[in-house]
Amino acid sequence: MIMTNTLHTAPSMSEFKSLLKKYSLKATPQRLAVHSAMQVLGHASADMVTEEVARQGRTKVTVASVYNILTQLALLGIYAHRLSIGNKMYFDVNTHQHIHLYDTVNSTFMDVEDEDLTAMIEARLGKRRFRGYKVDGIDIQILCHPSKNKLMKIIR
């Protein structure tokens, strides 16, 4: 099992431009800036991406525009999306099946790569029928908070 904040499988900028072209979207400065920010952040809300775009200084873009761009890219499958406990939308550059740790104190996501566990859960629940429902997919989110040791490191 691997836990990581840094394993980002975002498309490269050239791959991203090709994906935009495939979906008949223009590679606008705003879309490129949003993707550049997501390459850095991995998991992020529209607010976080807007801050990163401003930090990079490539272009100006509003939070609403960033949210619309991220949502469009998630609907196309270029990014994944998920809700935090507070119902804030977060976007993820990793679109493959994986598990998330959600830090309920800091509102951050961390990927957990455990192919055996993911396969076991998929095999057990993926084809299971629930009365009146059909499983579309499995999305595992483990809620957690920093341990005392980690909190002490953050405070120092």
N, C-alpha and C. Protein backbone atom coordinates (compact mmCIF):
# COMPACT_ATOMS: atom_id res chain seq x y z
N MET A 1 0.86 -1.18 0.00
CA MET A 1 0.00 0.00 0.00
C MET A 1 0.89 1.23 0.00
N ILE A 2 0.56 2.18 -0.86
CA ILE A 2 1.33 3.41 -0.97
C ILE A 2 0.39 4.58 -0.70
N MET A 3 0.77 5.45 0.24
CA MET A 3 0.02 6.69 0.46
C MET A 3 0.86 7.82 -0.10
N THR A 4 0.23 8.69 -0.86
CA THR A 4 1.01 9.74 -1.48
C THR A 4 0.21 10.99 -1.74
N ASN A 5 0.88 12.11 -1.67
CA ASN A 5 0.31 13.39 -2.09
C ASN A 5 0.87 13.76 -3.44
N THR A 6 1.92 13.07 -3.88
CA THR A 6 2.66 13.52 -5.05
C THR A 6 2.48 12.67 -6.29
N LEU A 7 1.77 11.57 -6.21
CA LEU A 7 1.58 10.71 -7.38
C LEU A 7 0.45 11.30 -8.23
N HIS A 8 0.81 12.20 -9.13
CA HIS A 8 -0.18 12.85 -9.98
C HIS A 8 -0.04 12.30 -11.38
N THR A 9 -1.13 11.82 -11.92
CA THR A 9 -1.08 11.29 -13.27
C THR A 9 -1.79 12.23 -14.25
N ALA A 10 -1.67 13.52 -13.98
CA ALA A 10 -2.28 14.50 -14.88
C ALA A 10 -1.62 14.40 -16.24
N PRO A 11 -2.40 14.61 -17.28
CA PRO A 11 -1.80 14.61 -18.62
C PRO A 11 -0.74 15.73 -18.71
N SER A 12 0.28 15.47 -19.50
CA SER A 12 1.26 16.53 -19.76
C SER A 12 0.54 17.66 -20.49
N MET A 13 1.18 18.79 -20.60
CA MET A 13 0.54 19.92 -21.27
C MET A 13 0.24 19.59 -22.73
N SER A 14 1.14 18.89 -23.41
CA SER A 14 0.86 18.54 -24.81
C SER A 14 -0.28 17.52 -24.90
N GLU A 15 -0.33 16.56 -23.98
CA GLU A 15 -1.44 15.60 -23.96
C GLU A 15 -2.76 16.32 -23.66
N PHE A 16 -2.70 17.30 -22.75
CA PHE A 16 -3.88 18.07 -22.40
C PHE A 16 -4.41 18.84 -23.61
N LYS A 17 -3.51 19.46 -24.35
CA LYS A 17 -3.91 20.19 -25.55
C LYS A 17 -4.55 19.24 -26.57
N SER A 18 -4.00 18.05 -26.69
CA SER A 18 -4.58 17.06 -27.61
C SER A 18 -5.98 16.64 -27.15
N LEU A 19 -6.15 16.47 -25.84
CA LEU A 19 -7.47 16.12 -25.31
C LEU A 19 -8.48 17.23 -25.58
N LEU A 20 -8.06 18.48 -25.39
CA LEU A 20 -8.96 19.60 -25.68
C LEU A 20 -9.38 19.57 -27.14
N LYS A 21 -8.41 19.34 -28.01
CA LYS A 21 -8.70 19.29 -29.45
C LYS A 21 -9.67 18.15 -29.75
N LYS A 22 -9.45 17.01 -29.13
CA LYS A 22 -10.31 15.84 -29.32
C LYS A 22 -11.76 16.17 -28.99
N TYR A 23 -11.97 17.00 -27.95
CA TYR A 23 -13.32 17.38 -27.53
C TYR A 23 -13.78 18.71 -28.14
N SER A 24 -13.07 19.16 -29.16
CA SER A 24 -13.39 20.41 -29.88
C SER A 24 -13.41 21.63 -28.97
N LEU A 25 -12.48 21.66 -28.02
CA LEU A 25 -12.33 22.81 -27.12
C LEU A 25 -11.03 23.52 -27.45
N LYS A 26 -11.06 24.82 -27.34
CA LYS A 26 -9.86 25.61 -27.60
C LYS A 26 -8.93 25.57 -26.39
N ALA A 27 -7.66 25.61 -26.67
CA ALA A 27 -6.64 25.65 -25.62
C ALA A 27 -6.47 27.11 -25.19
N THR A 28 -7.46 27.62 -24.47
CA THR A 28 -7.43 29.02 -24.05
C THR A 28 -6.38 29.20 -22.95
N PRO A 29 -5.90 30.41 -22.77
CA PRO A 29 -4.95 30.66 -21.67
C PRO A 29 -5.52 30.24 -20.31
N GLN A 30 -6.83 30.43 -20.13
CA GLN A 30 -7.46 30.06 -18.86
C GLN A 30 -7.45 28.55 -18.65
N ARG A 31 -7.81 27.79 -19.67
CA ARG A 31 -7.80 26.32 -19.54
C ARG A 31 -6.38 25.81 -19.30
N LEU A 32 -5.43 26.36 -20.01
CA LEU A 32 -4.04 25.94 -19.84
C LEU A 32 -3.53 26.29 -18.45
N ALA A 33 -3.90 27.47 -17.94
CA ALA A 33 -3.48 27.87 -16.60
C ALA A 33 -4.11 26.98 -15.53
N VAL A 34 -5.38 26.63 -15.71
CA VAL A 34 -6.05 25.74 -14.76
C VAL A 34 -5.36 24.38 -14.76
N HIS A 35 -5.04 23.86 -15.94
CA HIS A 35 -4.38 22.55 -15.99
C HIS A 35 -2.98 22.62 -15.37
N SER A 36 -2.28 23.67 -15.62
CA SER A 36 -0.95 23.84 -15.02
C SER A 36 -1.05 23.84 -13.49
N ALA A 37 -2.06 24.52 -12.96
CA ALA A 37 -2.27 24.55 -11.51
C ALA A 37 -2.62 23.16 -10.99
N MET A 38 -3.47 22.44 -11.71
CA MET A 38 -3.85 21.09 -11.27
C MET A 38 -2.66 20.13 -11.31
N GLN A 39 -1.74 20.34 -12.26
CA GLN A 39 -0.54 19.51 -12.29
C GLN A 39 0.26 19.68 -11.01
N VAL A 40 0.27 20.88 -10.46
CA VAL A 40 0.99 21.16 -9.22
C VAL A 40 0.22 20.63 -8.01
N LEU A 41 -1.09 20.85 -7.99
CA LEU A 41 -1.90 20.57 -6.79
C LEU A 41 -2.38 19.13 -6.67
N GLY A 42 -2.71 18.50 -7.76
CA GLY A 42 -3.21 17.12 -7.71
C GLY A 42 -4.66 17.02 -7.33
N HIS A 43 -5.01 17.37 -6.09
CA HIS A 43 -6.39 17.43 -5.61
C HIS A 43 -6.63 18.88 -5.22
N ALA A 44 -7.70 19.48 -5.72
CA ALA A 44 -7.90 20.89 -5.39
C ALA A 44 -9.33 21.33 -5.63
N SER A 45 -9.73 22.35 -4.89
CA SER A 45 -11.00 23.02 -5.11
C SER A 45 -10.77 24.16 -6.10
N ALA A 46 -11.85 24.75 -6.57
CA ALA A 46 -11.72 25.88 -7.50
C ALA A 46 -10.98 27.05 -6.84
N ASP A 47 -11.23 27.27 -5.56
CA ASP A 47 -10.52 28.33 -4.84
C ASP A 47 -9.01 28.09 -4.84
N MET A 48 -8.62 26.86 -4.56
CA MET A 48 -7.20 26.51 -4.51
C MET A 48 -6.56 26.68 -5.88
N VAL A 49 -7.26 26.26 -6.93
CA VAL A 49 -6.73 26.38 -8.29
C VAL A 49 -6.59 27.85 -8.67
N THR A 50 -7.59 28.65 -8.31
CA THR A 50 -7.53 30.09 -8.61
C THR A 50 -6.32 30.73 -7.94
N GLU A 51 -6.06 30.36 -6.69
CA GLU A 51 -4.89 30.89 -5.98
C GLU A 51 -3.59 30.46 -6.67
N GLU A 52 -3.53 29.21 -7.11
CA GLU A 52 -2.32 28.71 -7.78
C GLU A 52 -2.13 29.40 -9.13
N VAL A 53 -3.21 29.63 -9.87
CA VAL A 53 -3.12 30.34 -11.15
C VAL A 53 -2.58 31.75 -10.91
N ALA A 54 -3.09 32.42 -9.87
CA ALA A 54 -2.61 33.77 -9.54
C ALA A 54 -1.14 33.73 -9.14
N ARG A 55 -0.75 32.71 -8.37
CA ARG A 55 0.65 32.58 -7.94
C ARG A 55 1.57 32.40 -9.15
N GLN A 56 1.11 31.58 -10.12
CA GLN A 56 1.92 31.35 -11.31
C GLN A 56 1.95 32.58 -12.21
N GLY A 57 0.94 33.44 -12.10
CA GLY A 57 0.92 34.70 -12.82
C GLY A 57 0.79 34.60 -14.33
N ARG A 58 0.24 33.53 -14.84
CA ARG A 58 0.12 33.34 -16.30
C ARG A 58 -1.05 34.11 -16.90
N THR A 59 -2.17 34.12 -16.18
CA THR A 59 -3.37 34.79 -16.67
C THR A 59 -4.26 35.09 -15.48
N LYS A 60 -5.25 35.90 -15.70
CA LYS A 60 -6.23 36.19 -14.66
C LYS A 60 -7.50 35.41 -14.96
N VAL A 61 -8.08 34.84 -13.91
CA VAL A 61 -9.27 34.04 -14.07
C VAL A 61 -10.05 34.08 -12.75
N THR A 62 -11.37 34.14 -12.84
CA THR A 62 -12.20 34.18 -11.64
C THR A 62 -12.43 32.78 -11.09
N VAL A 63 -12.82 32.72 -9.84
CA VAL A 63 -13.14 31.43 -9.22
C VAL A 63 -14.27 30.75 -9.98
N ALA A 64 -15.27 31.52 -10.39
CA ALA A 64 -16.40 30.94 -11.13
C ALA A 64 -15.93 30.32 -12.45
N SER A 65 -15.04 31.01 -13.15
CA SER A 65 -14.52 30.47 -14.41
C SER A 65 -13.71 29.21 -14.17
N VAL A 66 -12.90 29.23 -13.12
CA VAL A 66 -12.10 28.05 -12.78
C VAL A 66 -13.03 26.87 -12.47
N TYR A 67 -14.06 27.12 -11.68
CA TYR A 67 -15.01 26.06 -11.35
C TYR A 67 -15.66 25.49 -12.60
N ASN A 68 -16.08 26.36 -13.51
CA ASN A 68 -16.70 25.91 -14.75
C ASN A 68 -15.73 25.10 -15.60
N ILE A 69 -14.48 25.54 -15.69
CA ILE A 69 -13.46 24.80 -16.45
C ILE A 69 -13.23 23.43 -15.82
N LEU A 70 -13.04 23.39 -14.50
CA LEU A 70 -12.79 22.13 -13.81
C LEU A 70 -13.98 21.17 -13.97
N THR A 71 -15.18 21.69 -13.84
CA THR A 71 -16.37 20.85 -13.98
C THR A 71 -16.47 20.28 -15.39
N GLN A 72 -16.22 21.11 -16.39
CA GLN A 72 -16.26 20.65 -17.77
C GLN A 72 -15.22 19.55 -18.00
N LEU A 73 -14.01 19.75 -17.48
CA LEU A 73 -12.95 18.76 -17.66
C LEU A 73 -13.26 17.46 -16.91
N ALA A 74 -13.92 17.57 -15.77
CA ALA A 74 -14.32 16.37 -15.02
C ALA A 74 -15.42 15.62 -15.77
N LEU A 75 -16.36 16.34 -16.34
CA LEU A 75 -17.43 15.68 -17.11
C LEU A 75 -16.88 14.95 -18.33
N LEU A 76 -15.77 15.45 -18.88
CA LEU A 76 -15.13 14.80 -20.02
C LEU A 76 -14.23 13.63 -19.59
N GLY A 77 -13.99 13.49 -18.29
CA GLY A 77 -13.15 12.41 -17.78
C GLY A 77 -11.67 12.76 -17.73
N ILE A 78 -11.32 14.01 -17.97
CA ILE A 78 -9.91 14.42 -17.90
C ILE A 78 -9.48 14.50 -16.44
N TYR A 79 -10.38 14.93 -15.57
CA TYR A 79 -10.19 14.94 -14.12
C TYR A 79 -11.33 14.15 -13.50
N ALA A 80 -11.15 13.79 -12.25
CA ALA A 80 -12.23 13.21 -11.45
C ALA A 80 -12.69 14.29 -10.48
N HIS A 81 -13.85 14.11 -9.89
CA HIS A 81 -14.31 15.06 -8.90
C HIS A 81 -14.95 14.34 -7.73
N ARG A 82 -14.95 14.99 -6.59
CA ARG A 82 -15.51 14.42 -5.37
C ARG A 82 -15.89 15.53 -4.42
N LEU A 83 -16.80 15.22 -3.52
CA LEU A 83 -17.22 16.20 -2.52
C LEU A 83 -16.49 15.96 -1.21
N SER A 84 -16.13 17.06 -0.55
CA SER A 84 -15.57 16.96 0.79
C SER A 84 -16.73 16.81 1.77
N ILE A 85 -16.42 16.63 3.02
CA ILE A 85 -17.46 16.50 4.04
C ILE A 85 -18.33 17.76 4.06
N GLY A 86 -17.74 18.92 3.85
CA GLY A 86 -18.49 20.17 3.86
C GLY A 86 -19.17 20.47 2.53
N ASN A 87 -19.31 19.47 1.67
CA ASN A 87 -19.94 19.60 0.35
C ASN A 87 -19.22 20.58 -0.57
N LYS A 88 -17.93 20.69 -0.41
CA LYS A 88 -17.13 21.49 -1.33
C LYS A 88 -16.58 20.55 -2.39
N MET A 89 -16.66 20.96 -3.64
CA MET A 89 -16.22 20.11 -4.75
C MET A 89 -14.70 20.19 -4.88
N TYR A 90 -14.07 19.03 -4.93
CA TYR A 90 -12.64 18.91 -5.17
C TYR A 90 -12.45 18.13 -6.46
N PHE A 91 -11.39 18.47 -7.16
CA PHE A 91 -11.07 17.82 -8.43
C PHE A 91 -9.75 17.08 -8.26
N ASP A 92 -9.59 16.00 -9.02
CA ASP A 92 -8.46 15.09 -8.86
C ASP A 92 -7.88 14.78 -10.24
N VAL A 93 -6.56 14.92 -10.37
CA VAL A 93 -5.92 14.62 -11.65
C VAL A 93 -5.84 13.12 -11.91
N ASN A 94 -5.96 12.32 -10.86
CA ASN A 94 -5.90 10.87 -11.01
C ASN A 94 -7.30 10.34 -11.28
N THR A 95 -7.52 9.85 -12.48
CA THR A 95 -8.84 9.37 -12.84
C THR A 95 -8.96 7.84 -12.74
N HIS A 96 -7.86 7.17 -12.42
CA HIS A 96 -7.92 5.72 -12.27
C HIS A 96 -8.53 5.36 -10.90
N GLN A 97 -8.94 4.12 -10.75
CA GLN A 97 -9.54 3.64 -9.50
C GLN A 97 -8.49 3.66 -8.40
N HIS A 98 -8.75 4.40 -7.34
CA HIS A 98 -7.88 4.42 -6.18
C HIS A 98 -8.66 4.89 -4.97
N ILE A 99 -8.05 4.76 -3.81
CA ILE A 99 -8.68 5.09 -2.54
C ILE A 99 -8.17 6.46 -2.09
N HIS A 100 -9.02 7.18 -1.36
CA HIS A 100 -8.60 8.48 -0.82
C HIS A 100 -8.65 8.48 0.70
N LEU A 101 -7.64 9.10 1.30
CA LEU A 101 -7.72 9.49 2.70
C LEU A 101 -8.19 10.94 2.67
N TYR A 102 -9.21 11.26 3.46
CA TYR A 102 -9.68 12.64 3.54
C TYR A 102 -9.40 13.13 4.96
N ASP A 103 -8.51 14.10 5.06
CA ASP A 103 -8.14 14.71 6.34
C ASP A 103 -9.26 15.67 6.72
N THR A 104 -10.06 15.30 7.72
CA THR A 104 -11.22 16.09 8.11
C THR A 104 -10.84 17.38 8.84
N VAL A 105 -9.62 17.48 9.31
CA VAL A 105 -9.16 18.69 9.99
C VAL A 105 -8.69 19.72 8.97
N ASN A 106 -7.90 19.28 8.01
CA ASN A 106 -7.29 20.20 7.04
C ASN A 106 -8.02 20.23 5.69
N SER A 107 -9.07 19.43 5.54
CA SER A 107 -9.83 19.33 4.29
C SER A 107 -8.92 19.07 3.09
N THR A 108 -8.10 18.04 3.21
CA THR A 108 -7.21 17.67 2.12
C THR A 108 -7.38 16.19 1.80
N PHE A 109 -7.07 15.85 0.57
CA PHE A 109 -7.14 14.47 0.11
C PHE A 109 -5.74 13.93 -0.13
N MET A 110 -5.56 12.65 0.12
CA MET A 110 -4.31 11.97 -0.18
C MET A 110 -4.66 10.65 -0.84
N ASP A 111 -3.96 10.32 -1.91
CA ASP A 111 -4.20 9.05 -2.60
C ASP A 111 -3.62 7.89 -1.83
N VAL A 112 -4.33 6.79 -1.84
CA VAL A 112 -3.85 5.52 -1.31
C VAL A 112 -3.88 4.55 -2.48
N GLU A 113 -2.73 4.07 -2.87
CA GLU A 113 -2.62 3.12 -3.98
C GLU A 113 -2.47 1.73 -3.38
N ASP A 114 -3.55 0.97 -3.40
CA ASP A 114 -3.54 -0.40 -2.89
C ASP A 114 -4.35 -1.24 -3.88
N GLU A 115 -3.67 -1.74 -4.90
CA GLU A 115 -4.34 -2.45 -5.98
C GLU A 115 -5.06 -3.70 -5.48
N ASP A 116 -4.45 -4.41 -4.51
CA ASP A 116 -5.08 -5.63 -4.00
C ASP A 116 -6.39 -5.31 -3.29
N LEU A 117 -6.39 -4.31 -2.43
CA LEU A 117 -7.61 -3.93 -1.71
C LEU A 117 -8.67 -3.42 -2.67
N THR A 118 -8.26 -2.58 -3.61
CA THR A 118 -9.19 -2.04 -4.59
C THR A 118 -9.82 -3.17 -5.41
N ALA A 119 -9.02 -4.12 -5.85
CA ALA A 119 -9.52 -5.25 -6.64
C ALA A 119 -10.47 -6.12 -5.80
N MET A 120 -10.13 -6.32 -4.53
CA MET A 120 -10.97 -7.13 -3.66
C MET A 120 -12.34 -6.47 -3.46
N ILE A 121 -12.35 -5.18 -3.21
CA ILE A 121 -13.62 -4.47 -3.01
C ILE A 121 -14.42 -4.44 -4.30
N GLU A 122 -13.74 -4.21 -5.42
CA GLU A 122 -14.42 -4.19 -6.72
C GLU A 122 -15.04 -5.56 -7.01
N ALA A 123 -14.31 -6.63 -6.74
CA ALA A 123 -14.82 -7.98 -6.99
C ALA A 123 -16.01 -8.28 -6.08
N ARG A 124 -15.95 -7.83 -4.86
CA ARG A 124 -17.02 -8.12 -3.88
C ARG A 124 -18.27 -7.28 -4.14
N LEU A 125 -18.10 -6.01 -4.47
CA LEU A 125 -19.25 -5.12 -4.57
C LEU A 125 -19.60 -4.66 -5.98
N GLY A 126 -18.66 -4.78 -6.91
CA GLY A 126 -18.86 -4.22 -8.24
C GLY A 126 -20.05 -4.77 -8.99
N LYS A 127 -20.35 -6.04 -8.82
CA LYS A 127 -21.47 -6.65 -9.55
C LYS A 127 -22.65 -6.96 -8.63
N ARG A 128 -22.52 -6.57 -7.38
CA ARG A 128 -23.60 -6.85 -6.44
C ARG A 128 -24.81 -5.97 -6.76
N ARG A 129 -25.96 -6.55 -6.58
CA ARG A 129 -27.20 -5.81 -6.80
C ARG A 129 -27.78 -5.42 -5.45
N PHE A 130 -28.20 -4.20 -5.36
CA PHE A 130 -28.90 -3.70 -4.20
C PHE A 130 -30.33 -3.43 -4.66
N ARG A 131 -31.29 -3.87 -3.91
CA ARG A 131 -32.69 -3.77 -4.33
C ARG A 131 -32.99 -2.37 -4.88
N GLY A 132 -33.35 -2.34 -6.17
CA GLY A 132 -33.73 -1.09 -6.81
C GLY A 132 -32.56 -0.28 -7.35
N TYR A 133 -31.32 -0.78 -7.21
CA TYR A 133 -30.14 -0.03 -7.64
C TYR A 133 -29.16 -0.93 -8.37
N LYS A 134 -28.40 -0.33 -9.26
CA LYS A 134 -27.29 -1.00 -9.93
C LYS A 134 -26.03 -0.19 -9.63
N VAL A 135 -24.97 -0.86 -9.29
CA VAL A 135 -23.71 -0.19 -8.95
C VAL A 135 -23.09 0.40 -10.20
N ASP A 136 -22.83 1.71 -10.18
CA ASP A 136 -22.16 2.40 -11.28
C ASP A 136 -20.65 2.41 -11.10
N GLY A 137 -20.22 2.41 -9.88
CA GLY A 137 -18.80 2.46 -9.59
C GLY A 137 -18.60 2.47 -8.09
N ILE A 138 -17.37 2.32 -7.68
CA ILE A 138 -17.05 2.31 -6.25
C ILE A 138 -16.03 3.40 -6.00
N ASP A 139 -16.31 4.23 -5.01
CA ASP A 139 -15.45 5.35 -4.66
C ASP A 139 -15.20 5.29 -3.16
N ILE A 140 -14.00 4.93 -2.78
CA ILE A 140 -13.69 4.74 -1.36
C ILE A 140 -12.97 5.96 -0.83
N GLN A 141 -13.52 6.49 0.25
CA GLN A 141 -12.94 7.64 0.92
C GLN A 141 -12.84 7.31 2.40
N ILE A 142 -11.64 7.30 2.92
CA ILE A 142 -11.42 7.00 4.33
C ILE A 142 -11.25 8.33 5.07
N LEU A 143 -12.11 8.56 6.05
CA LEU A 143 -12.04 9.79 6.83
C LEU A 143 -11.00 9.63 7.92
N CYS A 144 -10.16 10.65 8.08
CA CYS A 144 -9.10 10.57 9.07
C CYS A 144 -8.78 11.98 9.59
N HIS A 145 -7.92 12.03 10.58
CA HIS A 145 -7.40 13.30 11.08
C HIS A 145 -5.94 13.07 11.46
N PRO A 146 -5.15 14.15 11.52
CA PRO A 146 -3.73 13.97 11.84
C PRO A 146 -3.56 13.35 13.22
N SER A 147 -2.59 12.45 13.31
CA SER A 147 -2.26 11.85 14.60
C SER A 147 -1.59 12.90 15.47
N LYS A 148 -1.45 12.62 16.75
CA LYS A 148 -0.79 13.56 17.66
C LYS A 148 0.60 13.90 17.16
N ASN A 149 1.35 12.89 16.71
CA ASN A 149 2.72 13.13 16.24
C ASN A 149 2.75 14.07 15.05
N LYS A 150 1.83 13.88 14.12
CA LYS A 150 1.80 14.74 12.94
C LYS A 150 1.38 16.15 13.34
N LEU A 151 0.41 16.27 14.25
CA LEU A 151 -0.01 17.58 14.72
C LEU A 151 1.15 18.33 15.37
N MET A 152 1.95 17.61 16.14
CA MET A 152 3.10 18.24 16.81
C MET A 152 4.09 18.75 15.77
N LYS A 153 4.31 18.01 14.68
CA LYS A 153 5.22 18.45 13.62
C LYS A 153 4.68 19.68 12.93
N ILE A 154 3.37 19.74 12.73
CA ILE A 154 2.75 20.89 12.07
C ILE A 154 2.86 22.13 12.94
N ILE A 155 2.64 21.98 14.26
CA ILE A 155 2.69 23.10 15.19
C ILE A 155 4.08 23.68 15.29
N ARG A 156 5.09 22.84 15.27
CA ARG A 156 6.48 23.31 15.43
C ARG A 156 6.92 24.04 14.26
